[in-house]
Amino acid sequence: MIRLLDIVFSGLALLVLSPLLIPVCIILKLTGEHEIFYFQERVGAKGLPFNIYKFATMLKASPGLGPGTVTVRDDPRVLPFGKFLRKTKLNELPQLLNIFFGHMSVIGPRPVTSREYATYSDEARADIETVMPGLSGIGSVIFRDEEALMSLGTDPRVVYEKYIGPYKGRVEQWFASRISVWLYLVLIYLTVHVVLFPKSNIVWSTFKNLPVPPLEIREALSYHVGA
């Protein structure tokens, strides 16, 4: 059922959004480094790698500069038009093709790089690998401003490996162990809600049994005890 919904939703979205996607492609081709798409290997279902599609928003040499695959707030590697695409999340729209082709689902654990995946516990990885990665999901809703979280310490990579990665693994495991059509539809609604209202803490009141985040990042995640 979920795969059928994925095909219908991604196909309709590609059709409806084509008047927006085509101008974005043209602007990217005429600006920055003249690249339209960015392809990066991520960990998918069963732990197998696949290439995720995104609009190009950063310098092509970015993985070898600064904090590597980690992006921080006001990252100088992000191109001018890329800042707009990242802020509005439009850079993620090419993943509709990943969904249509069966690499991803509309809702699921966000696919991460192998280095980021290594910060998840063995138990979390075992559960996450049983489901398809998603364009959005519980991790995307909670970590919708991950770039700001990276600025909590002097070394973004340490912040990710010590706090963000392990906790993200726990919440993605929470989803994987409860996947259902109902949860799929609720997370689509929550995704739209937090895009429109980025300061909202609705996720904590909707799901009261989510793993509690580490103290060091609770405030940045808008988490409130007893929410």
C-alpha atoms as a PDB file:
ATOM      1  CA  MET A   1       0.000   0.000   0.000  1.00  0.00           C
ATOM      2  CA  ILE A   2       2.773   2.438   0.929  1.00  0.00           C
ATOM      3  CA  ARG A   3       4.628   1.727  -2.337  1.00  0.00           C
ATOM      4  CA  LEU A   4       1.452   2.487  -4.301  1.00  0.00           C
ATOM      5  CA  LEU A   5       1.036   5.763  -2.402  1.00  0.00           C
ATOM      6  CA  ASP A   6       4.680   6.596  -3.137  1.00  0.00           C
ATOM      7  CA  ILE A   7       4.189   6.142  -6.887  1.00  0.00           C
ATOM      8  CA  VAL A   8       0.964   8.166  -6.936  1.00  0.00           C
ATOM      9  CA  PHE A   9       2.265  11.018  -4.750  1.00  0.00           C
ATOM     10  CA  SER A  10       5.667  11.322  -6.456  1.00  0.00           C
ATOM     11  CA  GLY A  11       4.175  11.109  -9.958  1.00  0.00           C
ATOM     12  CA  LEU A  12       1.560  13.758  -9.227  1.00  0.00           C
ATOM     13  CA  ALA A  13       4.122  15.981  -7.486  1.00  0.00           C
ATOM     14  CA  LEU A  14       6.520  15.819 -10.442  1.00  0.00           C
ATOM     15  CA  LEU A  15       3.674  16.762 -12.789  1.00  0.00           C
ATOM     16  CA  VAL A  16       2.277  19.581 -10.636  1.00  0.00           C
ATOM     17  CA  LEU A  17       5.687  21.004  -9.713  1.00  0.00           C
ATOM     18  CA  SER A  18       7.178  20.896 -13.213  1.00  0.00           C
ATOM     19  CA  PRO A  19       6.468  24.651 -13.767  1.00  0.00           C
ATOM     20  CA  LEU A  20       8.673  25.290 -10.714  1.00  0.00           C
ATOM     21  CA  LEU A  21      11.328  22.633 -11.306  1.00  0.00           C
ATOM     22  CA  ILE A  22      12.086  23.697 -14.881  1.00  0.00           C
ATOM     23  CA  PRO A  23      12.900  27.364 -14.014  1.00  0.00           C
ATOM     24  CA  VAL A  24      15.090  26.168 -11.103  1.00  0.00           C
ATOM     25  CA  CYS A  25      17.035  23.964 -13.525  1.00  0.00           C
ATOM     26  CA  ILE A  26      17.525  26.900 -15.899  1.00  0.00           C
ATOM     27  CA  ILE A  27      18.718  29.241 -13.127  1.00  0.00           C
ATOM     28  CA  LEU A  28      21.184  26.651 -11.825  1.00  0.00           C
ATOM     29  CA  LYS A  29      22.552  26.091 -15.326  1.00  0.00           C
ATOM     30  CA  LEU A  30      23.132  29.820 -15.787  1.00  0.00           C
ATOM     31  CA  THR A  31      24.595  30.567 -12.331  1.00  0.00           C
ATOM     32  CA  GLY A  32      27.147  29.287  -9.826  1.00  0.00           C
ATOM     33  CA  GLU A  33      29.168  26.406 -11.228  1.00  0.00           C
ATOM     34  CA  HIS A  34      26.522  25.699 -13.902  1.00  0.00           C
ATOM     35  CA  GLU A  35      25.577  22.364 -12.352  1.00  0.00           C
ATOM     36  CA  ILE A  36      21.897  21.389 -12.048  1.00  0.00           C
ATOM     37  CA  PHE A  37      21.995  18.198 -10.019  1.00  0.00           C
ATOM     38  CA  TYR A  38      24.137  16.853  -7.210  1.00  0.00           C
ATOM     39  CA  PHE A  39      24.453  13.112  -6.702  1.00  0.00           C
ATOM     40  CA  GLN A  40      25.712  11.670  -3.442  1.00  0.00           C
ATOM     41  CA  GLU A  41      25.986   8.084  -2.259  1.00  0.00           C
ATOM     42  CA  ARG A  42      23.762   7.374   0.734  1.00  0.00           C
ATOM     43  CA  VAL A  43      22.873   4.265   2.718  1.00  0.00           C
ATOM     44  CA  GLY A  44      19.507   2.805   1.719  1.00  0.00           C
ATOM     45  CA  ALA A  45      17.271  -0.152   2.510  1.00  0.00           C
ATOM     46  CA  LYS A  46      19.118  -3.308   3.616  1.00  0.00           C
ATOM     47  CA  GLY A  47      22.174  -1.125   4.183  1.00  0.00           C
ATOM     48  CA  LEU A  48      22.841  -0.945   0.433  1.00  0.00           C
ATOM     49  CA  PRO A  49      24.236   2.257  -1.128  1.00  0.00           C
ATOM     50  CA  PHE A  50      22.339   4.330  -3.710  1.00  0.00           C
ATOM     51  CA  ASN A  51      22.699   7.788  -5.244  1.00  0.00           C
ATOM     52  CA  ILE A  52      20.412  10.478  -3.882  1.00  0.00           C
ATOM     53  CA  TYR A  53      19.339  13.291  -6.243  1.00  0.00           C
ATOM     54  CA  LYS A  54      19.396  16.942  -5.174  1.00  0.00           C
ATOM     55  CA  PHE A  55      19.629  20.320  -6.825  1.00  0.00           C
ATOM     56  CA  ALA A  56      23.228  21.553  -6.705  1.00  0.00           C
ATOM     57  CA  THR A  57      23.570  24.156  -3.956  1.00  0.00           C
ATOM     58  CA  MET A  58      27.261  24.004  -2.994  1.00  0.00           C
ATOM     59  CA  LEU A  59      30.698  24.160  -4.577  1.00  0.00           C
ATOM     60  CA  LYS A  60      31.613  20.891  -6.267  1.00  0.00           C
ATOM     61  CA  ALA A  61      34.747  20.670  -4.107  1.00  0.00           C
ATOM     62  CA  SER A  62      32.713  21.007  -0.878  1.00  0.00           C
ATOM     63  CA  PRO A  63      33.308  17.449   0.446  1.00  0.00           C
ATOM     64  CA  GLY A  64      37.026  18.217   0.619  1.00  0.00           C
ATOM     65  CA  LEU A  65      36.580  21.621   2.251  1.00  0.00           C
ATOM     66  CA  GLY A  66      35.718  22.713   5.799  1.00  0.00           C
ATOM     67  CA  PRO A  67      33.629  20.191   7.763  1.00  0.00           C
ATOM     68  CA  GLY A  68      33.292  17.828   4.777  1.00  0.00           C
ATOM     69  CA  THR A  69      29.809  16.331   4.291  1.00  0.00           C
ATOM     70  CA  VAL A  70      28.488  18.248   7.300  1.00  0.00           C
ATOM     71  CA  THR A  71      26.854  21.607   6.499  1.00  0.00           C
ATOM     72  CA  VAL A  72      26.768  24.405   9.065  1.00  0.00           C
ATOM     73  CA  ARG A  73      24.763  27.623   9.277  1.00  0.00           C
ATOM     74  CA  ASP A  74      26.064  30.342   6.905  1.00  0.00           C
ATOM     75  CA  ASP A  75      28.366  27.760   5.319  1.00  0.00           C
ATOM     76  CA  PRO A  76      30.595  29.672   2.836  1.00  0.00           C
ATOM     77  CA  ARG A  77      30.560  26.693   0.465  1.00  0.00           C
ATOM     78  CA  VAL A  78      26.858  27.240  -0.303  1.00  0.00           C
ATOM     79  CA  LEU A  79      26.257  29.132  -3.552  1.00  0.00           C
ATOM     80  CA  PRO A  80      24.000  32.257  -3.566  1.00  0.00           C
ATOM     81  CA  PHE A  81      20.972  30.623  -5.244  1.00  0.00           C
ATOM     82  CA  GLY A  82      21.718  27.489  -3.244  1.00  0.00           C
ATOM     83  CA  LYS A  83      20.979  29.367  -0.018  1.00  0.00           C
ATOM     84  CA  PHE A  84      17.435  30.013  -1.221  1.00  0.00           C
ATOM     85  CA  LEU A  85      16.971  26.413  -2.344  1.00  0.00           C
ATOM     86  CA  ARG A  86      18.208  25.034   0.971  1.00  0.00           C
ATOM     87  CA  LYS A  87      16.143  27.423   3.096  1.00  0.00           C
ATOM     88  CA  THR A  88      12.938  26.554   1.235  1.00  0.00           C
ATOM     89  CA  LYS A  89      13.899  22.842   0.988  1.00  0.00           C
ATOM     90  CA  LEU A  90      13.459  23.043  -2.793  1.00  0.00           C
ATOM     91  CA  ASN A  91      16.884  21.441  -3.176  1.00  0.00           C
ATOM     92  CA  GLU A  92      15.317  18.165  -1.992  1.00  0.00           C
ATOM     93  CA  LEU A  93      12.644  17.986  -4.720  1.00  0.00           C
ATOM     94  CA  PRO A  94      14.688  15.926  -7.223  1.00  0.00           C
ATOM     95  CA  GLN A  95      14.335  13.080  -4.728  1.00  0.00           C
ATOM     96  CA  LEU A  96      10.824  12.706  -6.098  1.00  0.00           C
ATOM     97  CA  LEU A  97      12.621  10.832  -8.896  1.00  0.00           C
ATOM     98  CA  ASN A  98      14.295   8.576  -6.308  1.00  0.00           C
ATOM     99  CA  ILE A  99      10.815   7.842  -4.928  1.00  0.00           C
ATOM    100  CA  PHE A 100       9.245   7.203  -8.326  1.00  0.00           C
ATOM    101  CA  PHE A 101      12.096   4.851  -9.319  1.00  0.00           C
ATOM    102  CA  GLY A 102      11.838   2.917  -6.034  1.00  0.00           C
ATOM    103  CA  HIS A 103      15.041   3.996  -4.277  1.00  0.00           C
ATOM    104  CA  MET A 104      13.128   5.875  -1.578  1.00  0.00           C
ATOM    105  CA  SER A 105       9.698   6.434  -0.045  1.00  0.00           C
ATOM    106  CA  VAL A 106       7.880   9.697   0.620  1.00  0.00           C
ATOM    107  CA  ILE A 107       8.219   8.969   4.355  1.00  0.00           C
ATOM    108  CA  GLY A 108      11.034   7.039   5.990  1.00  0.00           C
ATOM    109  CA  PRO A 109      14.391   7.426   7.723  1.00  0.00           C
ATOM    110  CA  ARG A 110      16.449  10.134   6.034  1.00  0.00           C
ATOM    111  CA  PRO A 111      19.238   8.455   4.029  1.00  0.00           C
ATOM    112  CA  VAL A 112      22.648   9.556   5.315  1.00  0.00           C
ATOM    113  CA  THR A 113      26.256   9.050   4.266  1.00  0.00           C
ATOM    114  CA  SER A 114      28.139   5.987   5.475  1.00  0.00           C
ATOM    115  CA  ARG A 115      30.133   8.170   7.885  1.00  0.00           C
ATOM    116  CA  GLU A 116      26.965   9.586   9.442  1.00  0.00           C
ATOM    117  CA  TYR A 117      25.353   6.142   9.448  1.00  0.00           C
ATOM    118  CA  ALA A 118      28.257   4.846  11.546  1.00  0.00           C
ATOM    119  CA  THR A 119      27.114   7.106  14.414  1.00  0.00           C
ATOM    120  CA  TYR A 120      23.908   5.030  14.750  1.00  0.00           C
ATOM    121  CA  SER A 121      23.880   2.105  17.155  1.00  0.00           C
ATOM    122  CA  ASP A 122      23.957  -1.453  15.800  1.00  0.00           C
ATOM    123  CA  GLU A 123      20.373  -1.945  17.016  1.00  0.00           C
ATOM    124  CA  ALA A 124      19.179   1.221  15.260  1.00  0.00           C
ATOM    125  CA  ARG A 125      20.852   0.249  11.983  1.00  0.00           C
ATOM    126  CA  ALA A 126      19.306  -3.230  12.092  1.00  0.00           C
ATOM    127  CA  ASP A 127      15.778  -1.773  12.331  1.00  0.00           C
ATOM    128  CA  ILE A 128      16.354   1.115   9.899  1.00  0.00           C
ATOM    129  CA  GLU A 129      17.595  -1.249   7.198  1.00  0.00           C
ATOM    130  CA  THR A 130      14.216  -3.012   7.153  1.00  0.00           C
ATOM    131  CA  VAL A 131      12.435   0.024   5.640  1.00  0.00           C
ATOM    132  CA  MET A 132      12.896   2.356   2.683  1.00  0.00           C
ATOM    133  CA  PRO A 133      14.644   5.691   3.313  1.00  0.00           C
ATOM    134  CA  GLY A 134      12.402   8.735   2.903  1.00  0.00           C
ATOM    135  CA  LEU A 135      12.206  12.209   1.437  1.00  0.00           C
ATOM    136  CA  SER A 136      10.855  13.217   4.839  1.00  0.00           C
ATOM    137  CA  GLY A 137      10.112  11.458   8.085  1.00  0.00           C
ATOM    138  CA  ILE A 138      10.341  11.773  11.825  1.00  0.00           C
ATOM    139  CA  GLY A 139      14.052  12.605  11.610  1.00  0.00           C
ATOM    140  CA  SER A 140      13.427  15.307   9.017  1.00  0.00           C
ATOM    141  CA  VAL A 141      10.701  16.896  11.129  1.00  0.00           C
ATOM    142  CA  ILE A 142      12.791  16.900  14.305  1.00  0.00           C
ATOM    143  CA  PHE A 143      16.056  17.912  12.618  1.00  0.00           C
ATOM    144  CA  ARG A 144      14.523  20.416  10.194  1.00  0.00           C
ATOM    145  CA  ASP A 145      17.195  23.002  11.086  1.00  0.00           C
ATOM    146  CA  GLU A 146      20.174  20.718  11.481  1.00  0.00           C
ATOM    147  CA  GLU A 147      22.576  23.395  10.220  1.00  0.00           C
ATOM    148  CA  ALA A 148      21.755  25.500  13.295  1.00  0.00           C
ATOM    149  CA  LEU A 149      22.399  22.504  15.563  1.00  0.00           C
ATOM    150  CA  MET A 150      25.868  22.121  14.068  1.00  0.00           C
ATOM    151  CA  SER A 151      26.744  25.577  15.391  1.00  0.00           C
ATOM    152  CA  LEU A 152      26.282  24.484  19.017  1.00  0.00           C
ATOM    153  CA  GLY A 153      29.949  23.545  19.356  1.00  0.00           C
ATOM    154  CA  THR A 154      33.321  24.627  18.043  1.00  0.00           C
ATOM    155  CA  ASP A 155      33.662  21.511  15.860  1.00  0.00           C
ATOM    156  CA  PRO A 156      30.496  20.598  13.895  1.00  0.00           C
ATOM    157  CA  ARG A 157      31.712  17.064  13.283  1.00  0.00           C
ATOM    158  CA  VAL A 158      32.067  16.415  17.011  1.00  0.00           C
ATOM    159  CA  VAL A 159      28.568  17.797  17.668  1.00  0.00           C
ATOM    160  CA  TYR A 160      27.153  15.466  15.012  1.00  0.00           C
ATOM    161  CA  GLU A 161      29.040  12.346  16.067  1.00  0.00           C
ATOM    162  CA  LYS A 162      28.451  12.828  19.795  1.00  0.00           C
ATOM    163  CA  TYR A 163      24.868  14.101  19.969  1.00  0.00           C
ATOM    164  CA  ILE A 164      23.002  14.489  16.667  1.00  0.00           C
ATOM    165  CA  GLY A 165      23.901  11.228  14.934  1.00  0.00           C
ATOM    166  CA  PRO A 166      23.212   8.822  17.818  1.00  0.00           C
ATOM    167  CA  TYR A 167      19.912  10.532  18.657  1.00  0.00           C
ATOM    168  CA  LYS A 168      18.850  10.647  15.025  1.00  0.00           C
ATOM    169  CA  GLY A 169      19.477   6.913  14.853  1.00  0.00           C
ATOM    170  CA  ARG A 170      17.160   6.379  17.833  1.00  0.00           C
ATOM    171  CA  VAL A 171      14.277   8.389  16.354  1.00  0.00           C
ATOM    172  CA  GLU A 172      14.635   6.713  12.951  1.00  0.00           C
ATOM    173  CA  GLN A 173      14.600   3.353  14.751  1.00  0.00           C
ATOM    174  CA  TRP A 174      11.428   4.504  16.528  1.00  0.00           C
ATOM    175  CA  PHE A 175       9.794   5.045  13.125  1.00  0.00           C
ATOM    176  CA  ALA A 176      11.054   1.808  11.579  1.00  0.00           C
ATOM    177  CA  SER A 177       9.582  -0.242  14.424  1.00  0.00           C
ATOM    178  CA  ARG A 178       6.167   1.441  14.060  1.00  0.00           C
ATOM    179  CA  ILE A 179       5.787   1.969  10.305  1.00  0.00           C
ATOM    180  CA  SER A 180       2.178   2.021   9.105  1.00  0.00           C
ATOM    181  CA  VAL A 181      -0.003   3.834   6.577  1.00  0.00           C
ATOM    182  CA  TRP A 182      -1.409   5.959   9.415  1.00  0.00           C
ATOM    183  CA  LEU A 183       2.061   7.038  10.574  1.00  0.00           C
ATOM    184  CA  TYR A 184       3.049   7.664   6.940  1.00  0.00           C
ATOM    185  CA  LEU A 185       0.107  10.057   6.443  1.00  0.00           C
ATOM    186  CA  VAL A 186       0.572  11.810   9.797  1.00  0.00           C
ATOM    187  CA  LEU A 187       4.239  12.499   8.998  1.00  0.00           C
ATOM    188  CA  ILE A 188       3.299  13.953   5.606  1.00  0.00           C
ATOM    189  CA  TYR A 189       1.022  16.382   7.455  1.00  0.00           C
ATOM    190  CA  LEU A 190       3.692  17.215  10.045  1.00  0.00           C
ATOM    191  CA  THR A 191       6.243  17.820   7.290  1.00  0.00           C
ATOM    192  CA  VAL A 192       3.987  20.392   5.641  1.00  0.00           C
ATOM    193  CA  HIS A 193       3.173  21.931   9.020  1.00  0.00           C
ATOM    194  CA  VAL A 194       6.796  22.518  10.078  1.00  0.00           C
ATOM    195  CA  VAL A 195       7.703  23.915   6.662  1.00  0.00           C
ATOM    196  CA  LEU A 196       4.938  26.501   7.106  1.00  0.00           C
ATOM    197  CA  PHE A 197       5.596  26.971  10.834  1.00  0.00           C
ATOM    198  CA  PRO A 198       9.307  26.189  11.423  1.00  0.00           C
ATOM    199  CA  LYS A 199       9.203  27.204  15.092  1.00  0.00           C
ATOM    200  CA  SER A 200       6.431  24.726  15.899  1.00  0.00           C
ATOM    201  CA  ASN A 201       7.055  21.962  18.438  1.00  0.00           C
ATOM    202  CA  ILE A 202       3.994  19.982  17.281  1.00  0.00           C
ATOM    203  CA  VAL A 203       6.026  16.799  16.803  1.00  0.00           C
ATOM    204  CA  TRP A 204       6.553  16.453  20.559  1.00  0.00           C
ATOM    205  CA  SER A 205       2.844  16.831  21.367  1.00  0.00           C
ATOM    206  CA  THR A 206       1.820  14.485  18.539  1.00  0.00           C
ATOM    207  CA  PHE A 207       4.184  11.679  19.515  1.00  0.00           C
ATOM    208  CA  LYS A 208       4.636  11.627  23.289  1.00  0.00           C
ATOM    209  CA  ASN A 209       6.645   8.402  23.270  1.00  0.00           C
ATOM    210  CA  LEU A 210       9.542   9.641  21.144  1.00  0.00           C
ATOM    211  CA  PRO A 211      13.041   9.030  22.537  1.00  0.00           C
ATOM    212  CA  VAL A 212      14.117  11.934  24.740  1.00  0.00           C
ATOM    213  CA  PRO A 213      16.916  13.953  23.094  1.00  0.00           C
ATOM    214  CA  PRO A 214      20.239  14.530  24.846  1.00  0.00           C
ATOM    215  CA  LEU A 215      20.215  17.505  27.210  1.00  0.00           C
ATOM    216  CA  GLU A 216      22.809  19.296  25.076  1.00  0.00           C
ATOM    217  CA  ILE A 217      20.455  19.656  22.082  1.00  0.00           C
ATOM    218  CA  ARG A 218      16.993  19.729  23.679  1.00  0.00           C
ATOM    219  CA  GLU A 219      16.519  23.480  23.527  1.00  0.00           C
ATOM    220  CA  ALA A 220      17.654  23.681  19.910  1.00  0.00           C
ATOM    221  CA  LEU A 221      15.108  20.969  19.021  1.00  0.00           C
ATOM    222  CA  SER A 222      12.273  22.904  20.719  1.00  0.00           C
ATOM    223  CA  TYR A 223      11.839  19.926  23.043  1.00  0.00           C
ATOM    224  CA  HIS A 224       9.861  20.478  26.225  1.00  0.00           C
ATOM    225  CA  VAL A 225       9.599  17.935  29.010  1.00  0.00           C
ATOM    226  CA  GLY A 226       6.021  16.718  29.178  1.00  0.00           C
ATOM    227  CA  ALA A 227       5.171  18.180  25.760  1.00  0.00           C
END
